[in-house]
Amino acid sequence: MTHRRMDDPDLPLEDLMSRWPETIAVFLRHNMLCVGCLIGPFHTVIDACAEYGLEVDAFYAELADSITASR
């Protein structure tokens, strides 16, 4: 089994939040409805950022910070 990276552009949101639950707070802080969404198994961070008008690199940085802060 290979472990995907948090910044893998093909990583589904559902997998991201399952592997790194601390990232959920980032989605909630941006008032994103991605947590528990039925599209989570199919959408990626890139898809979500496009949907919510967020800058992808900045959002990935926030996700990475949330993971680092929890360690």
N, C-alpha and C. Protein backbone atom coordinates (compact mmCIF):
# COMPACT_ATOMS: atom_id res chain seq x y z
N MET A 1 0.84 -1.18 0.00
CA MET A 1 0.00 0.00 0.00
C MET A 1 0.89 1.24 0.00
N THR A 2 0.65 2.13 -0.91
CA THR A 2 1.44 3.35 -0.96
C THR A 2 0.72 4.44 -0.19
N HIS A 3 1.51 5.28 0.44
CA HIS A 3 0.95 6.41 1.17
C HIS A 3 1.03 7.63 0.29
N ARG A 4 -0.12 8.24 0.08
CA ARG A 4 -0.17 9.43 -0.75
C ARG A 4 0.18 10.65 0.08
N ARG A 5 0.74 11.62 -0.59
CA ARG A 5 1.12 12.86 0.07
C ARG A 5 -0.09 13.77 0.18
N MET A 6 -0.07 14.63 1.17
CA MET A 6 -1.16 15.58 1.38
C MET A 6 -1.34 16.48 0.17
N ASP A 7 -0.26 16.81 -0.52
CA ASP A 7 -0.33 17.73 -1.66
C ASP A 7 -0.45 17.01 -3.00
N ASP A 8 -0.81 15.74 -2.97
CA ASP A 8 -1.06 14.98 -4.21
C ASP A 8 -2.30 15.58 -4.87
N PRO A 9 -2.18 16.12 -6.08
CA PRO A 9 -3.32 16.77 -6.73
C PRO A 9 -4.48 15.83 -7.03
N ASP A 10 -4.25 14.53 -6.99
CA ASP A 10 -5.30 13.55 -7.25
C ASP A 10 -5.90 12.95 -5.98
N LEU A 11 -5.45 13.40 -4.81
CA LEU A 11 -5.93 12.86 -3.55
C LEU A 11 -7.35 13.36 -3.28
N PRO A 12 -8.31 12.45 -3.16
CA PRO A 12 -9.69 12.88 -2.86
C PRO A 12 -9.79 13.51 -1.48
N LEU A 13 -10.69 14.46 -1.35
CA LEU A 13 -10.87 15.14 -0.07
C LEU A 13 -11.21 14.17 1.05
N GLU A 14 -12.02 13.18 0.75
CA GLU A 14 -12.38 12.20 1.77
C GLU A 14 -11.14 11.50 2.32
N ASP A 15 -10.21 11.14 1.45
CA ASP A 15 -8.97 10.50 1.88
C ASP A 15 -8.09 11.46 2.67
N LEU A 16 -8.03 12.70 2.21
CA LEU A 16 -7.24 13.73 2.89
C LEU A 16 -7.72 13.90 4.33
N MET A 17 -9.03 14.08 4.50
CA MET A 17 -9.57 14.32 5.84
C MET A 17 -9.53 13.07 6.72
N SER A 18 -9.59 11.89 6.11
CA SER A 18 -9.49 10.66 6.89
C SER A 18 -8.07 10.45 7.40
N ARG A 19 -7.10 10.71 6.54
CA ARG A 19 -5.69 10.51 6.89
C ARG A 19 -5.17 11.59 7.83
N TRP A 20 -5.62 12.83 7.60
CA TRP A 20 -5.19 13.98 8.40
C TRP A 20 -6.42 14.73 8.90
N PRO A 21 -7.09 14.23 9.92
CA PRO A 21 -8.33 14.87 10.39
C PRO A 21 -8.14 16.31 10.88
N GLU A 22 -6.93 16.67 11.23
CA GLU A 22 -6.68 18.04 11.66
C GLU A 22 -6.91 19.05 10.53
N THR A 23 -6.94 18.57 9.28
CA THR A 23 -7.18 19.48 8.15
C THR A 23 -8.65 19.91 8.08
N ILE A 24 -9.52 19.20 8.75
CA ILE A 24 -10.95 19.55 8.72
C ILE A 24 -11.17 20.98 9.19
N ALA A 25 -10.43 21.39 10.20
CA ALA A 25 -10.56 22.75 10.73
C ALA A 25 -10.29 23.81 9.66
N VAL A 26 -9.39 23.53 8.74
CA VAL A 26 -9.08 24.48 7.67
C VAL A 26 -10.30 24.66 6.77
N PHE A 27 -10.93 23.56 6.41
CA PHE A 27 -12.13 23.64 5.57
C PHE A 27 -13.24 24.41 6.28
N LEU A 28 -13.42 24.13 7.55
CA LEU A 28 -14.46 24.81 8.32
C LEU A 28 -14.18 26.29 8.48
N ARG A 29 -12.91 26.64 8.68
CA ARG A 29 -12.52 28.04 8.82
C ARG A 29 -12.88 28.85 7.57
N HIS A 30 -12.85 28.20 6.43
CA HIS A 30 -13.18 28.87 5.16
C HIS A 30 -14.66 28.71 4.79
N ASN A 31 -15.45 28.20 5.73
CA ASN A 31 -16.88 27.99 5.51
C ASN A 31 -17.16 27.10 4.30
N MET A 32 -16.31 26.12 4.12
CA MET A 32 -16.46 25.18 3.01
C MET A 32 -17.33 24.01 3.49
N LEU A 33 -18.20 23.54 2.63
CA LEU A 33 -19.12 22.45 2.97
C LEU A 33 -18.56 21.09 2.59
N CYS A 34 -17.25 20.99 2.46
CA CYS A 34 -16.59 19.76 2.00
C CYS A 34 -16.61 18.64 3.05
N VAL A 35 -16.65 19.00 4.32
CA VAL A 35 -16.62 18.00 5.38
C VAL A 35 -17.95 17.23 5.35
N GLY A 36 -17.86 15.94 5.07
CA GLY A 36 -19.04 15.11 5.00
C GLY A 36 -19.82 15.19 3.70
N CYS A 37 -19.32 15.93 2.75
CA CYS A 37 -20.00 16.09 1.46
C CYS A 37 -19.96 14.77 0.68
N LEU A 38 -21.02 14.48 -0.03
CA LEU A 38 -21.09 13.25 -0.82
C LEU A 38 -20.13 13.26 -2.01
N ILE A 39 -19.61 14.42 -2.37
CA ILE A 39 -18.66 14.53 -3.48
C ILE A 39 -17.22 14.33 -2.99
N GLY A 40 -17.02 14.26 -1.68
CA GLY A 40 -15.69 14.12 -1.09
C GLY A 40 -14.84 12.99 -1.66
N PRO A 41 -15.44 11.85 -2.01
CA PRO A 41 -14.62 10.78 -2.59
C PRO A 41 -14.11 11.11 -4.00
N PHE A 42 -14.66 12.14 -4.61
CA PHE A 42 -14.33 12.45 -5.99
C PHE A 42 -13.62 13.79 -6.16
N HIS A 43 -13.91 14.76 -5.28
CA HIS A 43 -13.29 16.09 -5.38
C HIS A 43 -11.91 16.09 -4.75
N THR A 44 -11.07 16.95 -5.28
CA THR A 44 -9.72 17.15 -4.75
C THR A 44 -9.63 18.56 -4.16
N VAL A 45 -8.50 18.87 -3.56
CA VAL A 45 -8.28 20.21 -3.05
C VAL A 45 -8.39 21.22 -4.18
N ILE A 46 -7.87 20.88 -5.33
CA ILE A 46 -7.93 21.78 -6.48
C ILE A 46 -9.38 22.05 -6.87
N ASP A 47 -10.19 21.00 -6.90
CA ASP A 47 -11.62 21.17 -7.21
C ASP A 47 -12.30 22.07 -6.19
N ALA A 48 -12.03 21.82 -4.91
CA ALA A 48 -12.67 22.59 -3.84
C ALA A 48 -12.25 24.06 -3.90
N CYS A 49 -10.97 24.30 -4.14
CA CYS A 49 -10.50 25.69 -4.24
C CYS A 49 -11.15 26.41 -5.42
N ALA A 50 -11.31 25.71 -6.53
CA ALA A 50 -11.97 26.30 -7.69
C ALA A 50 -13.43 26.63 -7.36
N GLU A 51 -14.08 25.73 -6.65
CA GLU A 51 -15.49 25.91 -6.29
C GLU A 51 -15.69 27.10 -5.35
N TYR A 52 -14.73 27.30 -4.44
CA TYR A 52 -14.86 28.35 -3.44
C TYR A 52 -14.02 29.59 -3.74
N GLY A 53 -13.35 29.62 -4.87
CA GLY A 53 -12.57 30.79 -5.26
C GLY A 53 -11.36 31.04 -4.39
N LEU A 54 -10.72 29.97 -3.96
CA LEU A 54 -9.53 30.08 -3.11
C LEU A 54 -8.26 29.78 -3.90
N GLU A 55 -7.17 30.37 -3.49
CA GLU A 55 -5.87 30.16 -4.13
C GLU A 55 -5.31 28.81 -3.66
N VAL A 56 -5.03 27.95 -4.58
CA VAL A 56 -4.64 26.57 -4.29
C VAL A 56 -3.38 26.49 -3.43
N ASP A 57 -2.33 27.17 -3.81
CA ASP A 57 -1.07 27.08 -3.07
C ASP A 57 -1.22 27.58 -1.63
N ALA A 58 -1.96 28.66 -1.45
CA ALA A 58 -2.18 29.19 -0.10
C ALA A 58 -3.00 28.20 0.73
N PHE A 59 -3.98 27.56 0.10
CA PHE A 59 -4.81 26.60 0.83
C PHE A 59 -3.99 25.37 1.21
N TYR A 60 -3.16 24.88 0.29
CA TYR A 60 -2.27 23.76 0.62
C TYR A 60 -1.34 24.13 1.78
N ALA A 61 -0.87 25.37 1.81
CA ALA A 61 0.00 25.82 2.90
C ALA A 61 -0.75 25.77 4.23
N GLU A 62 -2.01 26.18 4.24
CA GLU A 62 -2.81 26.11 5.46
C GLU A 62 -3.01 24.67 5.91
N LEU A 63 -3.26 23.79 4.94
CA LEU A 63 -3.43 22.38 5.28
C LEU A 63 -2.15 21.82 5.89
N ALA A 64 -1.02 22.13 5.27
CA ALA A 64 0.27 21.66 5.78
C ALA A 64 0.54 22.21 7.18
N ASP A 65 0.21 23.47 7.40
CA ASP A 65 0.41 24.07 8.73
C ASP A 65 -0.44 23.37 9.78
N SER A 66 -1.67 23.00 9.40
CA SER A 66 -2.54 22.33 10.38
C SER A 66 -1.98 20.96 10.76
N ILE A 67 -1.37 20.27 9.80
CA ILE A 67 -0.77 18.96 10.06
C ILE A 67 0.46 19.12 10.94
N THR A 68 1.29 20.09 10.60
CA THR A 68 2.52 20.34 11.38
C THR A 68 2.19 20.75 12.81
N ALA A 69 1.18 21.58 12.98
CA ALA A 69 0.82 22.08 14.31
C ALA A 69 0.31 20.96 15.21
N SER A 70 -0.22 19.90 14.62
CA SER A 70 -0.78 18.82 15.43
C SER A 70 0.28 17.82 15.90
N ARG A 71 1.47 17.95 15.39
CA ARG A 71 2.54 17.00 15.76
C ARG A 71 3.26 17.41 17.00
